[in-house]
Amino acid sequence: MFTVTGVVLCAIQLTFFVGMILKFIETDFLGGFTFMLLAYSSAFVYRNLENSGKIPSLAEN
């Protein structure tokens, strides 16, 4: 199920992922690694919030 928060965090993660790739292309490993950590930490936070029930689902059956 999609939630507004999930869609927003997915867009943020995609932005971080593209930024990470661009940083790696520029051979700035530390910058790319930082972007990767931010993207994965936001995914981890969202997953925990979703599993705890703090993020309501918009399309409940």
Protein backbone atom coordinates (compact mmCIF):
# COMPACT_ATOMS: atom_id res chain seq x y z
CA MET A 1 0.00 0.00 0.00
CA PHE A 2 1.16 3.46 -0.81
CA THR A 3 1.13 6.31 1.64
CA VAL A 4 1.92 9.95 1.02
CA THR A 5 4.86 9.69 3.40
CA GLY A 6 6.14 6.61 1.58
CA VAL A 7 5.97 8.33 -1.80
CA VAL A 8 7.80 11.41 -0.47
CA LEU A 9 10.52 9.32 1.16
CA CYS A 10 10.86 7.24 -2.01
CA ALA A 11 11.44 10.44 -4.00
CA ILE A 12 14.02 11.58 -1.45
CA GLN A 13 15.79 8.21 -1.65
CA LEU A 14 15.81 8.36 -5.44
CA THR A 15 17.35 11.84 -5.29
CA PHE A 16 20.03 10.61 -2.89
CA PHE A 17 20.68 7.58 -5.12
CA VAL A 18 21.17 9.73 -8.23
CA GLY A 19 23.36 12.11 -6.24
CA MET A 20 25.39 9.17 -4.95
CA ILE A 21 26.00 7.92 -8.49
CA LEU A 22 27.04 11.39 -9.63
CA LYS A 23 29.42 11.72 -6.66
CA PHE A 24 30.99 8.35 -7.45
CA ILE A 25 31.40 9.40 -11.08
CA GLU A 26 33.25 12.49 -9.87
CA THR A 27 35.44 10.10 -7.79
CA ASP A 28 34.38 11.73 -4.54
CA PHE A 29 33.96 8.53 -2.55
CA LEU A 30 33.25 10.22 0.79
CA GLY A 31 30.46 12.35 -0.68
CA GLY A 32 28.90 9.36 -2.43
CA PHE A 33 29.12 7.27 0.71
CA THR A 34 27.44 10.04 2.72
CA PHE A 35 24.57 10.21 0.22
CA MET A 36 24.22 6.43 0.40
CA LEU A 37 24.04 6.49 4.20
CA LEU A 38 21.39 9.21 4.14
CA ALA A 39 19.26 7.31 1.63
CA TYR A 40 19.42 4.03 3.53
CA SER A 41 18.82 5.68 6.90
CA SER A 42 15.67 7.39 5.58
CA ALA A 43 14.45 4.02 4.27
CA PHE A 44 15.16 2.43 7.65
CA VAL A 45 13.29 5.18 9.53
CA TYR A 46 10.29 4.92 7.21
CA ARG A 47 10.16 1.14 7.51
CA ASN A 48 10.21 1.34 11.31
CA LEU A 49 7.49 4.01 11.35
CA GLU A 50 5.37 1.98 8.94
CA ASN A 51 5.72 -1.21 10.97
CA SER A 52 4.93 0.57 14.24
CA GLY A 53 1.64 1.87 12.84
CA LYS A 54 2.54 5.56 13.25
CA ILE A 55 2.09 6.16 9.51
CA PRO A 56 -1.58 5.67 8.62
CA SER A 57 -2.42 3.95 5.36
CA LEU A 58 -4.52 5.93 2.89
CA ALA A 59 -5.84 2.87 1.05
CA GLU A 60 -7.04 0.45 3.69
CA ASN A 61 -9.15 -2.51 2.63
